[in-house]
Amino acid sequence: MPEWFFTSDLHGQGALYEQLLATAAAHLPEAVIIGGDLAPHGSGEQGVRMQRIFLQGFLVEFARRLREASPETTLLLMMGNDDWAANHGLPRGAPRSICGNRSTVAA
């Protein structure tokens, strides 16, 4: 039976992303879904910039590492209410190949 993992509200906490990566590597699920509130909290213009850096840097690297650890796993992302709307197009520009053979990073 295929497994799908769902989590949300990681809020940019690296340790939680690392736990998710380790769990996916151990179980090799068909899909990992992160359902919102991906980036760290931040306010104002600085918050938007901080989240953009996180999404284009950390999250893209997380997706690459997940693909390396579990090549057949599809990674699906949804922006949440704490993720700034100015960044909702990210990390769409990331190479699709980092997210698995049949997947895309969806924002």
PDB file of N, CA and C in Angstrom:
ATOM      1  N   MET A   1       0.844  -1.183   0.000  1.00  0.00           N
ATOM      2  CA  MET A   1       0.000   0.000   0.000  1.00  0.00           C
ATOM      3  C   MET A   1       0.887   1.244   0.000  1.00  0.00           C
ATOM      4  N   PRO A   2       0.668   2.165  -0.936  1.00  0.00           N
ATOM      5  CA  PRO A   2       1.492   3.379  -0.982  1.00  0.00           C
ATOM      6  C   PRO A   2       1.234   4.262   0.239  1.00  0.00           C
ATOM      7  N   GLU A   3       2.295   4.856   0.708  1.00  0.00           N
ATOM      8  CA  GLU A   3       2.186   5.783   1.830  1.00  0.00           C
ATOM      9  C   GLU A   3       2.282   7.205   1.333  1.00  0.00           C
ATOM     10  N   TRP A   4       1.513   8.077   1.923  1.00  0.00           N
ATOM     11  CA  TRP A   4       1.600   9.511   1.708  1.00  0.00           C
ATOM     12  C   TRP A   4       1.824  10.121   3.068  1.00  0.00           C
ATOM     13  N   PHE A   5       2.785  11.001   3.173  1.00  0.00           N
ATOM     14  CA  PHE A   5       3.043  11.715   4.427  1.00  0.00           C
ATOM     15  C   PHE A   5       2.523  13.135   4.282  1.00  0.00           C
ATOM     16  N   PHE A   6       1.823  13.598   5.324  1.00  0.00           N
ATOM     17  CA  PHE A   6       1.328  14.967   5.344  1.00  0.00           C
ATOM     18  C   PHE A   6       1.762  15.620   6.640  1.00  0.00           C
ATOM     19  N   THR A   7       2.237  16.844   6.519  1.00  0.00           N
ATOM     20  CA  THR A   7       2.541  17.645   7.690  1.00  0.00           C
ATOM     21  C   THR A   7       2.291  19.103   7.328  1.00  0.00           C
ATOM     22  N   SER A   8       2.262  19.939   8.333  1.00  0.00           N
ATOM     23  CA  SER A   8       2.099  21.367   8.087  1.00  0.00           C
ATOM     24  C   SER A   8       2.692  22.131   9.262  1.00  0.00           C
ATOM     25  N   ASP A   9       2.724  23.432   9.109  1.00  0.00           N
ATOM     26  CA  ASP A   9       3.139  24.328  10.192  1.00  0.00           C
ATOM     27  C   ASP A   9       4.569  24.076  10.672  1.00  0.00           C
ATOM     28  N   LEU A  10       5.477  23.841   9.730  1.00  0.00           N
ATOM     29  CA  LEU A  10       6.879  23.668  10.103  1.00  0.00           C
ATOM     30  C   LEU A  10       7.552  25.011  10.382  1.00  0.00           C
ATOM     31  N   HIS A  11       7.000  26.072   9.857  1.00  0.00           N
ATOM     32  CA  HIS A  11       7.439  27.446  10.141  1.00  0.00           C
ATOM     33  C   HIS A  11       8.951  27.637  10.069  1.00  0.00           C
ATOM     34  N   GLY A  12       9.572  27.012   9.081  1.00  0.00           N
ATOM     35  CA  GLY A  12      10.994  27.220   8.861  1.00  0.00           C
ATOM     36  C   GLY A  12      11.912  26.566   9.877  1.00  0.00           C
ATOM     37  N   GLN A  13      11.389  25.715  10.721  1.00  0.00           N
ATOM     38  CA  GLN A  13      12.199  25.075  11.759  1.00  0.00           C
ATOM     39  C   GLN A  13      13.001  23.922  11.155  1.00  0.00           C
ATOM     40  N   GLY A  14      14.291  24.162  11.014  1.00  0.00           N
ATOM     41  CA  GLY A  14      15.175  23.194  10.371  1.00  0.00           C
ATOM     42  C   GLY A  14      15.105  21.808  10.982  1.00  0.00           C
ATOM     43  N   ALA A  15      14.986  21.724  12.294  1.00  0.00           N
ATOM     44  CA  ALA A  15      14.939  20.419  12.962  1.00  0.00           C
ATOM     45  C   ALA A  15      13.702  19.626  12.529  1.00  0.00           C
ATOM     46  N   LEU A  16      12.584  20.297  12.304  1.00  0.00           N
ATOM     47  CA  LEU A  16      11.378  19.593  11.858  1.00  0.00           C
ATOM     48  C   LEU A  16      11.527  19.117  10.419  1.00  0.00           C
ATOM     49  N   TYR A  17      12.147  19.934   9.571  1.00  0.00           N
ATOM     50  CA  TYR A  17      12.420  19.497   8.205  1.00  0.00           C
ATOM     51  C   TYR A  17      13.369  18.299   8.203  1.00  0.00           C
ATOM     52  N   GLU A  18      14.347  18.297   9.095  1.00  0.00           N
ATOM     53  CA  GLU A  18      15.287  17.173   9.183  1.00  0.00           C
ATOM     54  C   GLU A  18      14.574  15.897   9.624  1.00  0.00           C
ATOM     55  N   GLN A  19      13.641  16.012  10.566  1.00  0.00           N
ATOM     56  CA  GLN A  19      12.863  14.845  10.996  1.00  0.00           C
ATOM     57  C   GLN A  19      12.030  14.300   9.843  1.00  0.00           C
ATOM     58  N   LEU A  20      11.421  15.193   9.079  1.00  0.00           N
ATOM     59  CA  LEU A  20      10.627  14.776   7.933  1.00  0.00           C
ATOM     60  C   LEU A  20      11.500  14.071   6.900  1.00  0.00           C
ATOM     61  N   LEU A  21      12.671  14.604   6.646  1.00  0.00           N
ATOM     62  CA  LEU A  21      13.596  13.996   5.696  1.00  0.00           C
ATOM     63  C   LEU A  21      14.007  12.596   6.157  1.00  0.00           C
ATOM     64  N   ALA A  22      14.340  12.455   7.423  1.00  0.00           N
ATOM     65  CA  ALA A  22      14.740  11.153   7.963  1.00  0.00           C
ATOM     66  C   ALA A  22      13.597  10.139   7.883  1.00  0.00           C
ATOM     67  N   THR A  23      12.390  10.581   8.178  1.00  0.00           N
ATOM     68  CA  THR A  23      11.225   9.683   8.119  1.00  0.00           C
ATOM     69  C   THR A  23      10.956   9.249   6.683  1.00  0.00           C
ATOM     70  N   ALA A  24      11.040  10.198   5.753  1.00  0.00           N
ATOM     71  CA  ALA A  24      10.832   9.857   4.341  1.00  0.00           C
ATOM     72  C   ALA A  24      11.914   8.905   3.838  1.00  0.00           C
ATOM     73  N   ALA A  25      13.151   9.129   4.236  1.00  0.00           N
ATOM     74  CA  ALA A  25      14.251   8.255   3.816  1.00  0.00           C
ATOM     75  C   ALA A  25      14.051   6.838   4.356  1.00  0.00           C
ATOM     76  N   ALA A  26      13.489   6.729   5.536  1.00  0.00           N
ATOM     77  CA  ALA A  26      13.276   5.407   6.148  1.00  0.00           C
ATOM     78  C   ALA A  26      12.087   4.668   5.532  1.00  0.00           C
ATOM     79  N   HIS A  27      11.045   5.391   5.117  1.00  0.00           N
ATOM     80  CA  HIS A  27       9.807   4.760   4.652  1.00  0.00           C
ATOM     81  C   HIS A  27       9.579   4.848   3.146  1.00  0.00           C
ATOM     82  N   LEU A  28      10.306   5.728   2.460  1.00  0.00           N
ATOM     83  CA  LEU A  28      10.190   5.893   1.009  1.00  0.00           C
ATOM     84  C   LEU A  28       8.733   6.036   0.551  1.00  0.00           C
ATOM     85  N   PRO A  29       8.035   7.054   1.045  1.00  0.00           N
ATOM     86  CA  PRO A  29       6.626   7.219   0.671  1.00  0.00           C
ATOM     87  C   PRO A  29       6.460   7.631  -0.781  1.00  0.00           C
ATOM     88  N   GLU A  30       5.259   7.441  -1.287  1.00  0.00           N
ATOM     89  CA  GLU A  30       4.955   7.882  -2.643  1.00  0.00           C
ATOM     90  C   GLU A  30       4.932   9.403  -2.719  1.00  0.00           C
ATOM     91  N   ALA A  31       4.465  10.042  -1.649  1.00  0.00           N
ATOM     92  CA  ALA A  31       4.380  11.501  -1.643  1.00  0.00           C
ATOM     93  C   ALA A  31       4.636  12.048  -0.244  1.00  0.00           C
ATOM     94  N   VAL A  32       5.241  13.224  -0.204  1.00  0.00           N
ATOM     95  CA  VAL A  32       5.371  14.039   1.004  1.00  0.00           C
ATOM     96  C   VAL A  32       4.660  15.341   0.700  1.00  0.00           C
ATOM     97  N   ILE A  33       3.692  15.675   1.537  1.00  0.00           N
ATOM     98  CA  ILE A  33       2.917  16.896   1.353  1.00  0.00           C
ATOM     99  C   ILE A  33       3.157  17.787   2.566  1.00  0.00           C
ATOM    100  N   ILE A  34       3.595  19.009   2.307  1.00  0.00           N
ATOM    101  CA  ILE A  34       3.735  19.989   3.379  1.00  0.00           C
ATOM    102  C   ILE A  34       2.641  21.022   3.143  1.00  0.00           C
ATOM    103  N   GLY A  35       1.646  21.022   4.014  1.00  0.00           N
ATOM    104  CA  GLY A  35       0.419  21.763   3.796  1.00  0.00           C
ATOM    105  C   GLY A  35       0.372  23.143   4.418  1.00  0.00           C
ATOM    106  N   GLY A  36       1.369  23.922   4.212  1.00  0.00           N
ATOM    107  CA  GLY A  36       1.286  25.317   4.611  1.00  0.00           C
ATOM    108  C   GLY A  36       2.166  25.705   5.770  1.00  0.00           C
ATOM    109  N   ASP A  37       2.355  27.009   5.877  1.00  0.00           N
ATOM    110  CA  ASP A  37       3.224  27.611   6.876  1.00  0.00           C
ATOM    111  C   ASP A  37       4.617  26.985   6.809  1.00  0.00           C
ATOM    112  N   LEU A  38       5.193  27.106   5.611  1.00  0.00           N
ATOM    113  CA  LEU A  38       6.502  26.532   5.303  1.00  0.00           C
ATOM    114  C   LEU A  38       7.645  27.332   5.917  1.00  0.00           C
ATOM    115  N   ALA A  39       7.554  28.647   5.834  1.00  0.00           N
ATOM    116  CA  ALA A  39       8.668  29.542   6.142  1.00  0.00           C
ATOM    117  C   ALA A  39       8.592  30.072   7.573  1.00  0.00           C
ATOM    118  N   PRO A  40       9.709  30.610   8.066  1.00  0.00           N
ATOM    119  CA  PRO A  40       9.716  31.184   9.414  1.00  0.00           C
ATOM    120  C   PRO A  40       8.812  32.418   9.491  1.00  0.00           C
ATOM    121  N   HIS A  41       8.362  32.694  10.711  1.00  0.00           N
ATOM    122  CA  HIS A  41       7.556  33.897  10.950  1.00  0.00           C
ATOM    123  C   HIS A  41       8.404  35.136  10.691  1.00  0.00           C
ATOM    124  N   GLY A  42       7.777  36.171  10.227  1.00  0.00           N
ATOM    125  CA  GLY A  42       8.450  37.451  10.028  1.00  0.00           C
ATOM    126  C   GLY A  42       7.418  38.508   9.729  1.00  0.00           C
ATOM    127  N   SER A  43       7.747  39.739  10.023  1.00  0.00           N
ATOM    128  CA  SER A  43       6.777  40.795   9.779  1.00  0.00           C
ATOM    129  C   SER A  43       7.367  41.857   8.861  1.00  0.00           C
ATOM    130  N   GLY A  44       6.474  42.508   8.163  1.00  0.00           N
ATOM    131  CA  GLY A  44       6.865  43.605   7.299  1.00  0.00           C
ATOM    132  C   GLY A  44       7.752  43.179   6.144  1.00  0.00           C
ATOM    133  N   GLU A  45       8.410  44.187   5.577  1.00  0.00           N
ATOM    134  CA  GLU A  45       9.273  43.959   4.424  1.00  0.00           C
ATOM    135  C   GLU A  45      10.411  42.990   4.743  1.00  0.00           C
ATOM    136  N   GLN A  46      10.953  43.090   5.953  1.00  0.00           N
ATOM    137  CA  GLN A  46      12.030  42.175   6.346  1.00  0.00           C
ATOM    138  C   GLN A  46      11.531  40.733   6.427  1.00  0.00           C
ATOM    139  N   GLY A  47      10.298  40.544   6.886  1.00  0.00           N
ATOM    140  CA  GLY A  47       9.712  39.207   6.935  1.00  0.00           C
ATOM    141  C   GLY A  47       9.554  38.602   5.557  1.00  0.00           C
ATOM    142  N   VAL A  48       9.119  39.421   4.604  1.00  0.00           N
ATOM    143  CA  VAL A  48       8.989  38.947   3.218  1.00  0.00           C
ATOM    144  C   VAL A  48      10.344  38.508   2.693  1.00  0.00           C
ATOM    145  N   ARG A  49      11.372  39.336   2.900  1.00  0.00           N
ATOM    146  CA  ARG A  49      12.726  38.990   2.428  1.00  0.00           C
ATOM    147  C   ARG A  49      13.245  37.719   3.107  1.00  0.00           C
ATOM    148  N   MET A  50      13.048  37.615   4.426  1.00  0.00           N
ATOM    149  CA  MET A  50      13.522  36.441   5.167  1.00  0.00           C
ATOM    150  C   MET A  50      12.862  35.173   4.636  1.00  0.00           C
ATOM    151  N   GLN A  51      11.550  35.237   4.396  1.00  0.00           N
ATOM    152  CA  GLN A  51      10.858  34.067   3.869  1.00  0.00           C
ATOM    153  C   GLN A  51      11.324  33.736   2.456  1.00  0.00           C
ATOM    154  N   ARG A  52      11.570  34.760   1.650  1.00  0.00           N
ATOM    155  CA  ARG A  52      12.039  34.526   0.279  1.00  0.00           C
ATOM    156  C   ARG A  52      13.386  33.796   0.295  1.00  0.00           C
ATOM    157  N   ILE A  53      14.278  34.230   1.154  1.00  0.00           N
ATOM    158  CA  ILE A  53      15.587  33.572   1.284  1.00  0.00           C
ATOM    159  C   ILE A  53      15.402  32.124   1.714  1.00  0.00           C
ATOM    160  N   PHE A  54      14.521  31.895   2.663  1.00  0.00           N
ATOM    161  CA  PHE A  54      14.259  30.530   3.133  1.00  0.00           C
ATOM    162  C   PHE A  54      13.710  29.667   1.993  1.00  0.00           C
ATOM    163  N   LEU A  55      12.722  30.171   1.279  1.00  0.00           N
ATOM    164  CA  LEU A  55      12.076  29.393   0.219  1.00  0.00           C
ATOM    165  C   LEU A  55      13.020  29.100  -0.935  1.00  0.00           C
ATOM    166  N   GLN A  56      13.831  30.078  -1.314  1.00  0.00           N
ATOM    167  CA  GLN A  56      14.730  29.889  -2.450  1.00  0.00           C
ATOM    168  C   GLN A  56      16.019  29.175  -2.067  1.00  0.00           C
ATOM    169  N   GLY A  57      16.350  29.152  -0.805  1.00  0.00           N
ATOM    170  CA  GLY A  57      17.587  28.528  -0.348  1.00  0.00           C
ATOM    171  C   GLY A  57      17.323  27.220   0.380  1.00  0.00           C
ATOM    172  N   PHE A  58      16.897  27.327   1.614  1.00  0.00           N
ATOM    173  CA  PHE A  58      16.709  26.143   2.458  1.00  0.00           C
ATOM    174  C   PHE A  58      15.726  25.159   1.846  1.00  0.00           C
ATOM    175  N   LEU A  59      14.570  25.655   1.411  1.00  0.00           N
ATOM    176  CA  LEU A  59      13.537  24.737   0.938  1.00  0.00           C
ATOM    177  C   LEU A  59      13.937  24.040  -0.358  1.00  0.00           C
ATOM    178  N   VAL A  60      14.606  24.745  -1.242  1.00  0.00           N
ATOM    179  CA  VAL A  60      15.085  24.114  -2.476  1.00  0.00           C
ATOM    180  C   VAL A  60      16.124  23.044  -2.137  1.00  0.00           C
ATOM    181  N   GLU A  61      16.997  23.334  -1.191  1.00  0.00           N
ATOM    182  CA  GLU A  61      17.990  22.339  -0.766  1.00  0.00           C
ATOM    183  C   GLU A  61      17.313  21.149  -0.086  1.00  0.00           C
ATOM    184  N   PHE A  62      16.281  21.399   0.716  1.00  0.00           N
ATOM    185  CA  PHE A  62      15.517  20.308   1.338  1.00  0.00           C
ATOM    186  C   PHE A  62      14.934  19.402   0.258  1.00  0.00           C
ATOM    187  N   ALA A  63      14.338  19.997  -0.778  1.00  0.00           N
ATOM    188  CA  ALA A  63      13.753  19.210  -1.869  1.00  0.00           C
ATOM    189  C   ALA A  63      14.812  18.372  -2.573  1.00  0.00           C
ATOM    190  N   ARG A  64      15.984  18.944  -2.785  1.00  0.00           N
ATOM    191  CA  ARG A  64      17.079  18.197  -3.420  1.00  0.00           C
ATOM    192  C   ARG A  64      17.500  17.013  -2.556  1.00  0.00           C
ATOM    193  N   ARG A  65      17.637  17.262  -1.272  1.00  0.00           N
ATOM    194  CA  ARG A  65      18.043  16.196  -0.353  1.00  0.00           C
ATOM    195  C   ARG A  65      16.975  15.107  -0.236  1.00  0.00           C
ATOM    196  N   LEU A  66      15.707  15.500  -0.273  1.00  0.00           N
ATOM    197  CA  LEU A  66      14.627  14.510  -0.235  1.00  0.00           C
ATOM    198  C   LEU A  66      14.683  13.637  -1.481  1.00  0.00           C
ATOM    199  N   ARG A  67      14.892  14.259  -2.627  1.00  0.00           N
ATOM    200  CA  ARG A  67      14.981  13.479  -3.872  1.00  0.00           C
ATOM    201  C   ARG A  67      16.153  12.511  -3.828  1.00  0.00           C
ATOM    202  N   GLU A  68      17.249  12.950  -3.260  1.00  0.00           N
ATOM    203  CA  GLU A  68      18.426  12.092  -3.135  1.00  0.00           C
ATOM    204  C   GLU A  68      18.142  10.916  -2.191  1.00  0.00           C
ATOM    205  N   ALA A  69      17.442  11.175  -1.088  1.00  0.00           N
ATOM    206  CA  ALA A  69      17.166  10.144  -0.091  1.00  0.00           C
ATOM    207  C   ALA A  69      16.030   9.210  -0.505  1.00  0.00           C
ATOM    208  N   SER A  70      15.102   9.719  -1.303  1.00  0.00           N
ATOM    209  CA  SER A  70      13.919   8.947  -1.696  1.00  0.00           C
ATOM    210  C   SER A  70      13.517   9.355  -3.113  1.00  0.00           C
ATOM    211  N   PRO A  71      14.226   8.854  -4.119  1.00  0.00           N
ATOM    212  CA  PRO A  71      14.069   9.340  -5.500  1.00  0.00           C
ATOM    213  C   PRO A  71      12.664   9.246  -6.088  1.00  0.00           C
ATOM    214  N   GLU A  72      11.862   8.318  -5.644  1.00  0.00           N
ATOM    215  CA  GLU A  72      10.521   8.147  -6.214  1.00  0.00           C
ATOM    216  C   GLU A  72       9.460   8.940  -5.465  1.00  0.00           C
ATOM    217  N   THR A  73       9.847   9.673  -4.448  1.00  0.00           N
ATOM    218  CA  THR A  73       8.884  10.436  -3.652  1.00  0.00           C
ATOM    219  C   THR A  73       8.545  11.754  -4.327  1.00  0.00           C
ATOM    220  N   THR A  74       7.262  12.037  -4.433  1.00  0.00           N
ATOM    221  CA  THR A  74       6.765  13.302  -4.949  1.00  0.00           C
ATOM    222  C   THR A  74       6.662  14.276  -3.781  1.00  0.00           C
ATOM    223  N   LEU A  75       7.195  15.475  -3.933  1.00  0.00           N
ATOM    224  CA  LEU A  75       7.087  16.520  -2.918  1.00  0.00           C
ATOM    225  C   LEU A  75       6.080  17.551  -3.392  1.00  0.00           C
ATOM    226  N   LEU A  76       5.055  17.791  -2.585  1.00  0.00           N
ATOM    227  CA  LEU A  76       4.032  18.793  -2.876  1.00  0.00           C
ATOM    228  C   LEU A  76       4.009  19.802  -1.744  1.00  0.00           C
ATOM    229  N   LEU A  77       3.999  21.076  -2.111  1.00  0.00           N
ATOM    230  CA  LEU A  77       4.026  22.158  -1.132  1.00  0.00           C
ATOM    231  C   LEU A  77       2.833  23.074  -1.325  1.00  0.00           C
ATOM    232  N   MET A  78       2.263  23.528  -0.221  1.00  0.00           N
ATOM    233  CA  MET A  78       1.201  24.530  -0.260  1.00  0.00           C
ATOM    234  C   MET A  78       1.610  25.667   0.663  1.00  0.00           C
ATOM    235  N   MET A  79       1.431  26.875   0.206  1.00  0.00           N
ATOM    236  CA  MET A  79       1.701  28.026   1.049  1.00  0.00           C
ATOM    237  C   MET A  79       0.576  28.142   2.067  1.00  0.00           C
ATOM    238  N   GLY A  80       0.920  28.672   3.240  1.00  0.00           N
ATOM    239  CA  GLY A  80      -0.059  28.804   4.302  1.00  0.00           C
ATOM    240  C   GLY A  80      -0.351  30.253   4.644  1.00  0.00           C
ATOM    241  N   ASN A  81      -1.195  30.443   5.625  1.00  0.00           N
ATOM    242  CA  ASN A  81      -1.599  31.789   6.005  1.00  0.00           C
ATOM    243  C   ASN A  81      -0.458  32.595   6.622  1.00  0.00           C
ATOM    244  N   ASP A  82       0.588  31.947   7.126  1.00  0.00           N
ATOM    245  CA  ASP A  82       1.741  32.670   7.666  1.00  0.00           C
ATOM    246  C   ASP A  82       2.850  32.867   6.636  1.00  0.00           C
ATOM    247  N   ASP A  83       2.663  32.334   5.435  1.00  0.00           N
ATOM    248  CA  ASP A  83       3.627  32.540   4.361  1.00  0.00           C
ATOM    249  C   ASP A  83       3.184  33.759   3.565  1.00  0.00           C
ATOM    250  N   TRP A  84       4.055  34.750   3.447  1.00  0.00           N
ATOM    251  CA  TRP A  84       3.706  36.021   2.824  1.00  0.00           C
ATOM    252  C   TRP A  84       3.225  35.833   1.393  1.00  0.00           C
ATOM    253  N   ALA A  85       2.113  36.470   1.054  1.00  0.00           N
ATOM    254  CA  ALA A  85       1.535  36.375  -0.289  1.00  0.00           C
ATOM    255  C   ALA A  85       2.519  36.839  -1.362  1.00  0.00           C
ATOM    256  N   ALA A  86       3.404  37.758  -1.025  1.00  0.00           N
ATOM    257  CA  ALA A  86       4.401  38.239  -1.986  1.00  0.00           C
ATOM    258  C   ALA A  86       5.333  37.125  -2.435  1.00  0.00           C
ATOM    259  N   ASN A  87       5.413  36.058  -1.673  1.00  0.00           N
ATOM    260  CA  ASN A  87       6.297  34.941  -1.991  1.00  0.00           C
ATOM    261  C   ASN A  87       5.546  33.726  -2.523  1.00  0.00           C
ATOM    262  N   HIS A  88       4.268  33.827  -2.786  1.00  0.00           N
ATOM    263  CA  HIS A  88       3.492  32.649  -3.163  1.00  0.00           C
ATOM    264  C   HIS A  88       3.897  32.030  -4.487  1.00  0.00           C
ATOM    265  N   GLY A  89       4.663  32.702  -5.299  1.00  0.00           N
ATOM    266  CA  GLY A  89       5.160  32.103  -6.535  1.00  0.00           C
ATOM    267  C   GLY A  89       6.408  31.259  -6.331  1.00  0.00           C
ATOM    268  N   LEU A  90       6.932  31.253  -5.117  1.00  0.00           N
ATOM    269  CA  LEU A  90       8.169  30.534  -4.813  1.00  0.00           C
ATOM    270  C   LEU A  90       7.845  29.230  -4.116  1.00  0.00           C
ATOM    271  N   PRO A  91       8.633  28.224  -4.215  1.00  0.00           N
ATOM    272  CA  PRO A  91       9.844  28.084  -5.016  1.00  0.00           C
ATOM    273  C   PRO A  91       9.563  27.524  -6.392  1.00  0.00           C
ATOM    274  N   ARG A  92       8.504  27.974  -7.015  1.00  0.00           N
ATOM    275  CA  ARG A  92       8.102  27.478  -8.329  1.00  0.00           C
ATOM    276  C   ARG A  92       9.241  27.523  -9.336  1.00  0.00           C
ATOM    277  N   GLY A  93      10.131  28.454  -9.194  1.00  0.00           N
ATOM    278  CA  GLY A  93      11.250  28.566 -10.113  1.00  0.00           C
ATOM    279  C   GLY A  93      12.322  27.513  -9.904  1.00  0.00           C
ATOM    280  N   ALA A  94      12.186  26.708  -8.862  1.00  0.00           N
ATOM    281  CA  ALA A  94      13.179  25.667  -8.597  1.00  0.00           C
ATOM    282  C   ALA A  94      13.116  24.595  -9.677  1.00  0.00           C
ATOM    283  N   PRO A  95      14.242  24.010  -9.994  1.00  0.00           N
ATOM    284  CA  PRO A  95      14.244  22.940 -10.999  1.00  0.00           C
ATOM    285  C   PRO A  95      13.312  21.801 -10.593  1.00  0.00           C
ATOM    286  N   ARG A  96      12.429  21.404 -11.481  1.00  0.00           N
ATOM    287  CA  ARG A  96      11.493  20.326 -11.171  1.00  0.00           C
ATOM    288  C   ARG A  96      12.216  19.029 -10.867  1.00  0.00           C
ATOM    289  N   SER A  97      13.396  18.853 -11.401  1.00  0.00           N
ATOM    290  CA  SER A  97      14.119  17.600 -11.207  1.00  0.00           C
ATOM    291  C   SER A  97      14.505  17.362  -9.749  1.00  0.00           C
ATOM    292  N   ILE A  98      14.526  18.409  -8.927  1.00  0.00           N
ATOM    293  CA  ILE A  98      14.899  18.190  -7.539  1.00  0.00           C
ATOM    294  C   ILE A  98      13.774  17.558  -6.745  1.00  0.00           C
ATOM    295  N   CYS A  99      12.582  17.522  -7.335  1.00  0.00           N
ATOM    296  CA  CYS A  99      11.407  17.095  -6.577  1.00  0.00           C
ATOM    297  C   CYS A  99      10.903  15.716  -6.966  1.00  0.00           C
ATOM    298  N   GLY A 100      11.656  14.978  -7.690  1.00  0.00           N
ATOM    299  CA  GLY A 100      11.224  13.622  -8.018  1.00  0.00           C
ATOM    300  C   GLY A 100      10.869  13.469  -9.487  1.00  0.00           C
ATOM    301  N   ASN A 101      10.722  12.243  -9.895  1.00  0.00           N
ATOM    302  CA  ASN A 101      10.500  11.946 -11.304  1.00  0.00           C
ATOM    303  C   ASN A 101       9.148  12.418 -11.814  1.00  0.00           C
ATOM    304  N   ARG A 102       8.125  12.365 -10.984  1.00  0.00           N
ATOM    305  CA  ARG A 102       6.779  12.672 -11.451  1.00  0.00           C
ATOM    306  C   ARG A 102       6.220  13.901 -10.771  1.00  0.00           C
ATOM    307  N   SER A 103       7.054  14.720 -10.190  1.00  0.00           N
ATOM    308  CA  SER A 103       6.508  15.734  -9.313  1.00  0.00           C
ATOM    309  C   SER A 103       6.832  17.146  -9.736  1.00  0.00           C
ATOM    310  N   THR A 104       6.261  18.038  -9.001  1.00  0.00           N
ATOM    311  CA  THR A 104       6.522  19.456  -9.152  1.00  0.00           C
ATOM    312  C   THR A 104       6.385  20.093  -7.791  1.00  0.00           C
ATOM    313  N   VAL A 105       7.071  21.164  -7.593  1.00  0.00           N
ATOM    314  CA  VAL A 105       6.877  21.937  -6.379  1.00  0.00           C
ATOM    315  C   VAL A 105       5.753  22.898  -6.683  1.00  0.00           C
ATOM    316  N   ALA A 106       4.624  22.688  -6.068  1.00  0.00           N
ATOM    317  CA  ALA A 106       3.446  23.509  -6.341  1.00  0.00           C
ATOM    318  C   ALA A 106       3.283  24.554  -5.259  1.00  0.00           C
ATOM    319  N   ALA A 107       3.022  25.752  -5.655  1.00  0.00           N
ATOM    320  CA  ALA A 107       2.794  26.813  -4.678  1.00  0.00           C
ATOM    321  C   ALA A 107       1.349  27.233  -4.731  1.00  0.00           C
TER     322      ALA A 107
END
